[in-house]
Every structure is written in structure tokens, then in C-alpha cells.
């Protein structure tokens, strides 16, 4: 089966022969029909390939989700174990546990908690100003023909139909 590149070259040759008058369009109908059949075969093969690829992606997504759940379970187990050991050491006033593989030390970190932010004096507040660009508004302006400095309206190609888009 010829590739898209080969089909394109063949179609260009046929079109050139017809355009230059070397061959009448009627004489090339069989060749054009053959090219169209090859395009149809390629289209079907592209669609089959895309369906298989999407299924593989879906299977991988499922496996990733399974592994994420397993990871979360192990992380929760580790967290619980650390909490049990920490509680044991705090409740029994133990600063260090010595083992043959390693030692475990009880350490303390410092943090600030603010149960009621309304009681904090104004001097401790920080003001943040955030500027963002509204791409939606810029897109509307560009579509109306307005010039927006530093902005371009890009047209990005994508495929639709069959298994090529999520809506089908």
C-alpha cells in the first residue's frame, strides 16, 4: 500500500498531466479512482491505528491510576507508622531509639498557627497584587480585527471525525 507521500506525488502527477493537456481527464478517471481507493484504505488504517493507540493510552491511564492508588496506600501506611512511633516517643518522653540498622531521633519543628485571623493586627498583613492577562478578551478583540500589541491569533490544526476526536 502506498504511503500518503506517494499518493500525494501520484495525484500531483495526474493533476499536472490533466492541467497541461497531455492527457484528458476522462482518460485518467480509472487512475483517479484507484488513488481514491488507496486514500480510503489509508484512512481506514489510520483510524484503526488511532483506535488501538487510544485503547493503549486508556489501558496505561488505568494502570497509572491503579499505581497511584497503591502509592497513596503505601504513603498513608508510612504516615500512620511515623505517627505511631512519634506518639510513642512523645508519650514516653523518649528522645532517641537505638537500633541495629539505624537510630530514630525525636525532633521538633516550629510553625505558626492562626486560629482567628480577625484578631491579628494590621501590621502583620501583607498585600499582594496580581496582574493577569485575559486571553479570552484578547481573542475576541483580535477576531474583531483590533490590533493588540504583543499578541497573535494562532490557528492550530487538529483532526476531527471517527476516532480522532473525543466527541465522536
N, C-alpha and C. Protein backbone atom coordinates (compact mmCIF):
# COMPACT_ATOMS: atom_id res chain seq x y z
N UNK A 1 0.86 -1.18 0.00
CA UNK A 1 0.00 0.00 0.00
C UNK A 1 0.90 1.24 0.00
N UNK A 2 0.65 2.17 -0.89
CA UNK A 2 1.48 3.38 -0.95
C UNK A 2 1.24 4.29 0.26
N UNK A 3 2.26 5.04 0.61
CA UNK A 3 2.15 5.98 1.73
C UNK A 3 1.42 7.24 1.27
N UNK A 4 1.07 8.08 2.24
CA UNK A 4 0.42 9.36 1.89
C UNK A 4 1.32 10.19 0.98
N UNK A 5 2.61 10.16 1.26
CA UNK A 5 3.56 10.92 0.44
C UNK A 5 3.51 10.43 -1.01
N UNK A 6 3.51 9.09 -1.19
CA UNK A 6 3.47 8.52 -2.54
C UNK A 6 2.14 8.83 -3.23
N UNK A 7 1.05 8.76 -2.48
CA UNK A 7 -0.27 9.09 -3.05
C UNK A 7 -0.30 10.55 -3.48
N UNK A 8 0.26 11.43 -2.64
CA UNK A 8 0.30 12.85 -2.96
C UNK A 8 1.09 13.10 -4.24
N UNK A 9 2.26 12.44 -4.37
CA UNK A 9 3.07 12.59 -5.58
C UNK A 9 2.31 12.11 -6.82
N UNK A 10 1.65 10.97 -6.68
CA UNK A 10 0.90 10.41 -7.81
C UNK A 10 -0.24 11.35 -8.21
N UNK A 11 -0.94 11.88 -7.23
CA UNK A 11 -2.06 12.80 -7.51
C UNK A 11 -1.53 14.07 -8.19
N UNK A 12 -0.37 14.56 -7.74
CA UNK A 12 0.22 15.75 -8.38
C UNK A 12 0.59 15.47 -9.83
N UNK A 13 1.13 14.27 -10.09
CA UNK A 13 1.49 13.91 -11.46
C UNK A 13 0.25 13.84 -12.36
N UNK A 14 -0.80 13.21 -11.84
CA UNK A 14 -2.05 13.10 -12.61
C UNK A 14 -2.63 14.48 -12.88
N UNK A 15 -2.66 15.32 -11.84
CA UNK A 15 -3.20 16.68 -11.99
C UNK A 15 -2.38 17.46 -13.02
N UNK A 16 -1.05 17.32 -12.97
CA UNK A 16 -0.19 18.03 -13.93
C UNK A 16 -0.45 17.55 -15.36
N UNK A 17 -0.62 16.24 -15.54
CA UNK A 17 -0.90 15.71 -16.89
C UNK A 17 -2.22 16.26 -17.42
N UNK A 18 -3.21 16.35 -16.54
CA UNK A 18 -4.52 16.88 -16.96
C UNK A 18 -4.41 18.37 -17.24
N UNK A 19 -3.72 19.12 -16.34
CA UNK A 19 -3.61 20.57 -16.47
C UNK A 19 -2.84 20.97 -17.73
N UNK A 20 -1.81 20.22 -18.08
CA UNK A 20 -1.01 20.55 -19.26
C UNK A 20 -1.66 20.09 -20.55
N UNK A 21 -2.72 19.29 -20.42
CA UNK A 21 -3.43 18.81 -21.61
C UNK A 21 -2.80 17.60 -22.24
N UNK A 22 -1.76 17.03 -21.60
CA UNK A 22 -1.12 15.84 -22.16
C UNK A 22 -2.07 14.65 -22.17
N UNK A 23 -2.95 14.62 -21.17
CA UNK A 23 -3.91 13.52 -21.07
C UNK A 23 -5.26 14.12 -20.71
N UNK A 24 -6.32 13.59 -21.28
CA UNK A 24 -7.66 14.09 -20.97
C UNK A 24 -8.11 13.53 -19.62
N UNK A 25 -8.90 14.32 -18.91
CA UNK A 25 -9.38 13.91 -17.59
C UNK A 25 -10.14 12.59 -17.67
N UNK A 26 -10.89 12.40 -18.75
CA UNK A 26 -11.67 11.18 -18.93
C UNK A 26 -10.75 9.95 -18.96
N UNK A 27 -9.58 10.11 -19.58
CA UNK A 27 -8.63 9.00 -19.68
C UNK A 27 -7.99 8.67 -18.33
N UNK A 28 -8.02 9.60 -17.41
CA UNK A 28 -7.37 9.41 -16.10
C UNK A 28 -8.36 9.02 -15.01
N UNK A 29 -9.65 8.85 -15.35
CA UNK A 29 -10.65 8.54 -14.33
C UNK A 29 -10.34 7.24 -13.58
N UNK A 30 -9.87 6.21 -14.29
CA UNK A 30 -9.52 4.95 -13.63
C UNK A 30 -8.38 5.16 -12.64
N UNK A 31 -7.39 5.94 -13.05
CA UNK A 31 -6.25 6.21 -12.17
C UNK A 31 -6.70 7.01 -10.95
N UNK A 32 -7.55 8.00 -11.19
CA UNK A 32 -8.06 8.81 -10.07
C UNK A 32 -8.88 7.94 -9.12
N UNK A 33 -9.69 7.04 -9.66
CA UNK A 33 -10.49 6.14 -8.83
C UNK A 33 -9.59 5.22 -8.00
N UNK A 34 -8.51 4.74 -8.60
CA UNK A 34 -7.55 3.89 -7.90
C UNK A 34 -6.88 4.67 -6.75
N UNK A 35 -6.53 5.90 -7.03
CA UNK A 35 -5.92 6.75 -5.99
C UNK A 35 -6.91 6.96 -4.84
N UNK A 36 -8.17 7.22 -5.18
CA UNK A 36 -9.20 7.42 -4.14
C UNK A 36 -9.37 6.17 -3.29
N UNK A 37 -9.29 4.98 -3.90
CA UNK A 37 -9.38 3.72 -3.14
C UNK A 37 -8.20 3.59 -2.17
N UNK A 38 -7.02 3.97 -2.64
CA UNK A 38 -5.83 3.91 -1.77
C UNK A 38 -5.96 4.89 -0.61
N UNK A 39 -6.52 6.07 -0.89
CA UNK A 39 -6.75 7.05 0.18
C UNK A 39 -7.72 6.48 1.21
N UNK A 40 -8.77 5.82 0.72
CA UNK A 40 -9.76 5.21 1.62
C UNK A 40 -9.11 4.13 2.48
N UNK A 41 -8.27 3.27 1.86
CA UNK A 41 -7.56 2.23 2.62
C UNK A 41 -6.69 2.87 3.70
N UNK A 42 -5.94 3.91 3.31
CA UNK A 42 -5.07 4.60 4.27
C UNK A 42 -5.89 5.21 5.40
N UNK A 43 -7.01 5.84 5.05
CA UNK A 43 -7.87 6.45 6.06
C UNK A 43 -8.36 5.40 7.05
N UNK A 44 -8.80 4.25 6.53
CA UNK A 44 -9.26 3.17 7.41
C UNK A 44 -8.12 2.66 8.29
N UNK A 45 -6.94 2.51 7.70
CA UNK A 45 -5.80 2.05 8.50
C UNK A 45 -5.39 3.09 9.56
N UNK A 46 -5.45 4.38 9.20
CA UNK A 46 -5.15 5.43 10.19
C UNK A 46 -6.14 5.36 11.34
N UNK A 47 -7.41 5.18 11.00
CA UNK A 47 -8.45 5.12 12.03
C UNK A 47 -8.24 3.89 12.92
N UNK A 48 -7.95 2.73 12.33
CA UNK A 48 -7.69 1.52 13.12
C UNK A 48 -6.49 1.74 14.05
N UNK A 49 -5.43 2.30 13.49
CA UNK A 49 -4.23 2.57 14.28
C UNK A 49 -4.57 3.51 15.44
N UNK A 50 -5.35 4.53 15.15
CA UNK A 50 -5.70 5.51 16.18
C UNK A 50 -6.55 4.88 17.27
N UNK A 51 -7.48 3.99 16.90
CA UNK A 51 -8.32 3.30 17.89
C UNK A 51 -7.44 2.44 18.80
N UNK A 52 -6.52 1.68 18.22
CA UNK A 52 -5.63 0.84 19.01
C UNK A 52 -4.77 1.71 19.93
N UNK A 53 -4.26 2.81 19.41
CA UNK A 53 -3.43 3.71 20.21
C UNK A 53 -4.23 4.29 21.37
N UNK A 54 -5.47 4.73 21.09
CA UNK A 54 -6.31 5.27 22.16
C UNK A 54 -6.59 4.22 23.22
N UNK A 55 -6.84 2.98 22.80
CA UNK A 55 -7.07 1.90 23.76
C UNK A 55 -5.82 1.66 24.62
N UNK A 56 -4.65 1.69 23.97
CA UNK A 56 -3.41 1.53 24.73
C UNK A 56 -3.24 2.66 25.74
N UNK A 57 -3.54 3.88 25.32
CA UNK A 57 -3.44 5.04 26.22
C UNK A 57 -4.41 4.86 27.39
N UNK A 58 -5.62 4.41 27.09
CA UNK A 58 -6.61 4.19 28.14
C UNK A 58 -6.14 3.13 29.13
N UNK A 59 -5.57 2.04 28.60
CA UNK A 59 -5.05 0.98 29.47
C UNK A 59 -3.91 1.50 30.35
N UNK A 60 -3.05 2.31 29.77
CA UNK A 60 -1.95 2.89 30.54
C UNK A 60 -2.50 3.83 31.61
N UNK A 61 -3.51 4.65 31.24
CA UNK A 61 -4.14 5.53 32.23
C UNK A 61 -4.72 4.73 33.39
N UNK A 62 -5.37 3.60 33.07
CA UNK A 62 -5.93 2.74 34.12
C UNK A 62 -4.82 2.20 35.03
N UNK A 63 -3.72 1.79 34.41
CA UNK A 63 -2.58 1.26 35.19
C UNK A 63 -1.96 2.35 36.05
N UNK A 64 -1.85 3.56 35.50
CA UNK A 64 -1.32 4.69 36.27
C UNK A 64 -2.22 4.95 37.47
N UNK A 65 -3.53 4.91 37.25
CA UNK A 65 -4.49 5.15 38.35
C UNK A 65 -4.36 4.07 39.41
N UNK A 66 -4.20 2.82 38.98
CA UNK A 66 -4.01 1.71 39.93
C UNK A 66 -2.74 1.92 40.74
N UNK A 67 -1.66 2.31 40.05
CA UNK A 67 -0.39 2.55 40.74
C UNK A 67 -0.48 3.76 41.68
N UNK A 68 -1.20 4.81 41.27
CA UNK A 68 -1.39 5.97 42.14
C UNK A 68 -2.11 5.57 43.43
N UNK A 69 -3.15 4.74 43.27
CA UNK A 69 -3.90 4.28 44.45
C UNK A 69 -3.00 3.44 45.35
N UNK A 70 -2.20 2.58 44.76
CA UNK A 70 -1.26 1.76 45.54
C UNK A 70 -0.24 2.64 46.24
N UNK A 71 0.29 3.64 45.53
CA UNK A 71 1.25 4.57 46.12
C UNK A 71 0.62 5.31 47.30
N UNK A 72 -0.62 5.78 47.12
CA UNK A 72 -1.31 6.51 48.18
C UNK A 72 -1.50 5.63 49.40
N UNK A 73 -1.85 4.35 49.18
CA UNK A 73 -1.99 3.41 50.29
C UNK A 73 -0.68 3.26 51.05
N UNK A 74 0.41 3.11 50.32
CA UNK A 74 1.73 2.96 50.96
C UNK A 74 2.14 4.25 51.69
N UNK A 75 1.85 5.41 51.08
CA UNK A 75 2.16 6.68 51.75
C UNK A 75 1.36 6.83 53.04
N UNK A 76 0.08 6.45 53.01
CA UNK A 76 -0.75 6.52 54.21
C UNK A 76 -0.23 5.57 55.29
N UNK A 77 0.20 4.37 54.89
CA UNK A 77 0.77 3.41 55.83
C UNK A 77 2.04 3.98 56.48
N UNK A 78 2.90 4.59 55.64
CA UNK A 78 4.13 5.19 56.16
C UNK A 78 3.81 6.32 57.14
N UNK A 79 2.85 7.17 56.77
CA UNK A 79 2.45 8.30 57.63
C UNK A 79 1.90 7.78 58.96
N UNK A 80 1.04 6.77 58.90
CA UNK A 80 0.47 6.20 60.11
C UNK A 80 1.57 5.64 61.01
N UNK A 81 2.52 4.91 60.42
CA UNK A 81 3.61 4.32 61.18
C UNK A 81 4.44 5.41 61.86
N UNK A 82 4.74 6.47 61.14
CA UNK A 82 5.51 7.59 61.73
C UNK A 82 4.74 8.22 62.89
N UNK A 83 3.41 8.37 62.71
CA UNK A 83 2.59 8.94 63.79
C UNK A 83 2.59 8.05 65.02
N UNK A 84 2.52 6.74 64.81
CA UNK A 84 2.53 5.79 65.94
C UNK A 84 3.86 5.89 66.70
N UNK A 85 4.96 5.87 65.96
CA UNK A 85 6.29 5.95 66.60
C UNK A 85 6.47 7.29 67.30
N UNK A 86 6.05 8.39 66.64
CA UNK A 86 6.17 9.73 67.24
C UNK A 86 5.35 9.81 68.52
N UNK A 87 4.11 9.36 68.47
CA UNK A 87 3.24 9.38 69.66
C UNK A 87 3.85 8.56 70.79
N UNK A 88 4.36 7.39 70.46
CA UNK A 88 5.02 6.54 71.46
C UNK A 88 6.18 7.26 72.12
N UNK A 89 7.04 7.89 71.29
CA UNK A 89 8.22 8.57 71.83
C UNK A 89 7.83 9.78 72.68
N UNK A 90 6.84 10.57 72.22
CA UNK A 90 6.40 11.75 72.97
C UNK A 90 5.77 11.32 74.30
N UNK A 91 4.86 10.35 74.25
CA UNK A 91 4.15 9.91 75.46
C UNK A 91 5.09 9.29 76.50
N UNK A 92 6.18 8.70 76.04
CA UNK A 92 7.12 8.05 76.96
C UNK A 92 8.39 8.85 77.18
N UNK A 93 8.36 10.10 76.72
CA UNK A 93 9.50 11.01 76.90
C UNK A 93 10.81 10.38 76.43
N UNK A 94 10.78 9.77 75.25
CA UNK A 94 11.97 9.14 74.67
C UNK A 94 12.49 10.06 73.56
N UNK A 95 13.75 10.44 73.67
CA UNK A 95 14.35 11.35 72.68
C UNK A 95 14.99 10.59 71.51
N UNK A 96 15.44 9.34 71.79
CA UNK A 96 16.15 8.60 70.75
C UNK A 96 15.92 7.11 70.94
N UNK A 97 15.62 6.44 69.82
CA UNK A 97 15.53 4.99 69.80
C UNK A 97 16.74 4.46 69.03
N UNK A 98 17.46 3.53 69.65
CA UNK A 98 18.66 2.99 69.01
C UNK A 98 18.34 1.60 68.47
N UNK A 99 18.75 1.37 67.22
CA UNK A 99 18.54 0.07 66.59
C UNK A 99 19.81 -0.42 65.93
N UNK A 100 19.79 -1.65 65.43
CA UNK A 100 20.99 -2.17 64.77
C UNK A 100 21.14 -1.61 63.36
N UNK A 101 20.01 -1.24 62.72
CA UNK A 101 20.08 -0.68 61.36
C UNK A 101 20.21 0.84 61.37
N UNK A 102 19.52 1.49 62.31
CA UNK A 102 19.59 2.95 62.38
C UNK A 102 19.05 3.42 63.72
N UNK A 103 19.23 4.69 63.99
CA UNK A 103 18.67 5.32 65.17
C UNK A 103 17.53 6.22 64.74
N UNK A 104 16.53 6.38 65.62
CA UNK A 104 15.41 7.27 65.34
C UNK A 104 15.41 8.33 66.43
N UNK A 105 15.50 9.59 66.02
CA UNK A 105 15.51 10.70 66.97
C UNK A 105 14.21 11.47 66.88
N UNK A 106 13.73 11.94 68.03
CA UNK A 106 12.53 12.77 68.08
C UNK A 106 12.97 14.23 68.00
N UNK A 107 12.51 14.93 67.00
CA UNK A 107 12.87 16.34 66.81
C UNK A 107 11.59 17.16 66.78
N UNK A 108 11.72 18.46 66.97
CA UNK A 108 10.57 19.36 66.95
C UNK A 108 10.82 20.46 65.93
N UNK A 109 9.81 20.77 65.17
CA UNK A 109 9.87 21.92 64.27
C UNK A 109 8.95 22.99 64.83
N UNK A 110 9.11 24.19 64.33
CA UNK A 110 8.26 25.29 64.80
C UNK A 110 7.39 25.77 63.64
N UNK A 111 6.16 26.11 63.98
CA UNK A 111 5.26 26.67 62.98
C UNK A 111 4.28 27.61 63.69
N UNK A 112 3.68 28.49 62.94
CA UNK A 112 2.71 29.43 63.48
C UNK A 112 1.34 29.01 62.99
N UNK A 113 0.38 28.93 63.91
CA UNK A 113 -1.00 28.68 63.52
C UNK A 113 -1.82 29.92 63.86
N UNK A 114 -2.80 30.21 63.05
CA UNK A 114 -3.65 31.40 63.26
C UNK A 114 -5.10 30.94 63.28
N UNK A 115 -5.61 30.60 64.49
CA UNK A 115 -6.99 30.13 64.58
C UNK A 115 -8.02 31.21 64.22
N UNK A 116 -7.71 32.50 64.50
CA UNK A 116 -8.66 33.57 64.21
C UNK A 116 -7.91 34.74 63.59
N UNK A 117 -7.93 34.83 62.27
CA UNK A 117 -7.17 35.85 61.55
C UNK A 117 -7.72 37.26 61.83
N UNK A 118 -8.94 37.37 62.27
CA UNK A 118 -9.53 38.70 62.54
C UNK A 118 -8.91 39.38 63.75
N UNK A 119 -8.24 38.62 64.60
CA UNK A 119 -7.62 39.18 65.79
C UNK A 119 -6.17 39.63 65.56
N UNK A 120 -5.64 39.36 64.37
CA UNK A 120 -4.25 39.73 64.06
C UNK A 120 -4.21 41.21 63.69
N UNK A 121 -3.23 41.93 64.27
CA UNK A 121 -3.07 43.36 63.98
C UNK A 121 -2.72 43.57 62.51
N UNK A 122 -3.12 44.71 62.00
CA UNK A 122 -2.95 45.06 60.59
C UNK A 122 -1.47 45.05 60.16
N UNK A 123 -0.58 45.36 61.05
CA UNK A 123 0.86 45.44 60.72
C UNK A 123 1.43 44.11 60.24
N UNK A 124 0.75 43.00 60.56
CA UNK A 124 1.26 41.68 60.18
C UNK A 124 0.72 41.19 58.84
N UNK A 125 -0.13 41.97 58.22
CA UNK A 125 -0.69 41.59 56.92
C UNK A 125 0.21 42.06 55.79
N UNK A 126 0.20 41.31 54.71
CA UNK A 126 0.95 41.64 53.51
C UNK A 126 -0.06 41.78 52.38
N UNK A 127 0.11 42.79 51.52
CA UNK A 127 -0.80 43.00 50.40
C UNK A 127 -0.16 42.45 49.14
N UNK A 128 -0.93 41.64 48.42
CA UNK A 128 -0.46 41.09 47.14
C UNK A 128 -1.34 41.62 46.03
N UNK A 129 -0.70 42.05 44.95
CA UNK A 129 -1.43 42.50 43.76
C UNK A 129 -1.02 41.58 42.62
N UNK A 130 -2.00 40.96 42.00
CA UNK A 130 -1.72 40.03 40.91
C UNK A 130 -2.34 40.56 39.62
N UNK A 131 -1.51 40.64 38.57
CA UNK A 131 -1.99 41.05 37.26
C UNK A 131 -2.00 39.81 36.37
N UNK A 132 -3.11 39.61 35.67
CA UNK A 132 -3.19 38.50 34.72
C UNK A 132 -3.70 39.03 33.39
N UNK A 133 -3.35 38.33 32.35
CA UNK A 133 -3.78 38.69 31.00
C UNK A 133 -5.02 37.87 30.66
N UNK A 134 -6.06 38.51 30.16
CA UNK A 134 -7.28 37.81 29.78
C UNK A 134 -7.17 37.38 28.32
N UNK A 135 -6.79 36.13 28.11
CA UNK A 135 -6.64 35.61 26.75
C UNK A 135 -7.99 35.58 26.03
N UNK A 136 -9.07 35.33 26.77
CA UNK A 136 -10.39 35.29 26.14
C UNK A 136 -10.76 36.65 25.55
N UNK A 137 -10.52 37.71 26.30
CA UNK A 137 -10.85 39.05 25.81
C UNK A 137 -9.94 39.45 24.65
N UNK A 138 -8.66 39.08 24.74
CA UNK A 138 -7.72 39.38 23.65
C UNK A 138 -8.15 38.65 22.39
N UNK A 139 -8.57 37.38 22.52
CA UNK A 139 -9.01 36.60 21.37
C UNK A 139 -10.21 37.27 20.70
N UNK A 140 -11.17 37.73 21.52
CA UNK A 140 -12.35 38.41 20.97
C UNK A 140 -11.94 39.67 20.21
N UNK A 141 -11.01 40.44 20.80
CA UNK A 141 -10.56 41.68 20.16
C UNK A 141 -9.85 41.38 18.84
N UNK A 142 -8.98 40.38 18.83
CA UNK A 142 -8.26 40.03 17.61
C UNK A 142 -9.23 39.55 16.53
N UNK A 143 -10.26 38.81 16.92
CA UNK A 143 -11.25 38.34 15.95
C UNK A 143 -12.06 39.50 15.36
N UNK A 144 -12.23 40.57 16.16
CA UNK A 144 -12.93 41.76 15.65
C UNK A 144 -12.03 42.60 14.75
N UNK A 145 -10.76 42.22 14.65
CA UNK A 145 -9.83 42.94 13.79
C UNK A 145 -9.00 43.98 14.51
N UNK A 146 -9.13 44.06 15.81
CA UNK A 146 -8.35 45.02 16.59
C UNK A 146 -6.91 44.56 16.67
N UNK A 147 -5.98 45.51 16.80
CA UNK A 147 -4.58 45.21 16.98
C UNK A 147 -4.29 45.22 18.48
N UNK A 148 -3.76 44.11 18.97
CA UNK A 148 -3.38 44.01 20.38
C UNK A 148 -1.88 43.78 20.41
N UNK A 149 -1.15 44.79 20.89
CA UNK A 149 0.32 44.72 20.89
C UNK A 149 0.80 43.47 21.62
N UNK A 150 1.76 42.78 20.98
CA UNK A 150 2.37 41.61 21.59
C UNK A 150 1.53 40.35 21.51
N UNK A 151 0.41 40.39 20.78
CA UNK A 151 -0.47 39.22 20.73
C UNK A 151 -0.77 38.82 19.29
N UNK A 152 -0.89 37.54 19.07
CA UNK A 152 -1.24 36.98 17.77
C UNK A 152 -2.37 35.99 17.95
N UNK A 153 -3.23 35.87 16.97
CA UNK A 153 -4.28 34.86 16.98
C UNK A 153 -3.76 33.67 16.18
N UNK A 154 -3.50 32.59 16.86
CA UNK A 154 -2.97 31.39 16.21
C UNK A 154 -4.11 30.46 15.82
N UNK A 155 -3.96 29.84 14.67
CA UNK A 155 -4.90 28.81 14.24
C UNK A 155 -4.14 27.49 14.27
N UNK A 156 -4.54 26.62 15.19
CA UNK A 156 -3.85 25.36 15.39
C UNK A 156 -4.66 24.22 14.76
N UNK A 157 -4.05 23.47 13.84
CA UNK A 157 -4.79 22.40 13.18
C UNK A 157 -5.00 21.20 14.12
N UNK A 158 -6.13 20.53 13.94
CA UNK A 158 -6.40 19.28 14.66
C UNK A 158 -7.33 18.44 13.82
N UNK A 159 -7.42 17.16 14.15
CA UNK A 159 -8.23 16.24 13.37
C UNK A 159 -9.57 16.00 14.05
N UNK A 160 -10.62 15.83 13.23
CA UNK A 160 -11.96 15.52 13.76
C UNK A 160 -12.52 14.36 12.96
N UNK A 161 -13.42 13.64 13.56
CA UNK A 161 -14.11 12.57 12.88
C UNK A 161 -13.59 11.22 13.28
N UNK A 162 -14.47 10.24 13.23
CA UNK A 162 -14.07 8.88 13.57
C UNK A 162 -13.50 8.82 14.96
N UNK A 163 -12.38 8.17 15.11
CA UNK A 163 -11.75 8.03 16.42
C UNK A 163 -10.80 9.18 16.72
N UNK A 164 -10.77 10.20 15.87
CA UNK A 164 -9.76 11.24 16.01
C UNK A 164 -10.10 12.27 17.06
N UNK A 165 -11.37 12.44 17.39
CA UNK A 165 -11.67 13.41 18.44
C UNK A 165 -12.51 12.74 19.52
N UNK A 166 -12.51 13.36 20.67
CA UNK A 166 -13.17 12.77 21.83
C UNK A 166 -14.68 12.84 21.72
N UNK A 167 -15.22 13.70 20.87
CA UNK A 167 -16.66 13.91 20.80
C UNK A 167 -17.36 12.89 19.92
N UNK A 168 -16.62 12.11 19.17
CA UNK A 168 -17.25 11.19 18.22
C UNK A 168 -17.61 9.89 18.87
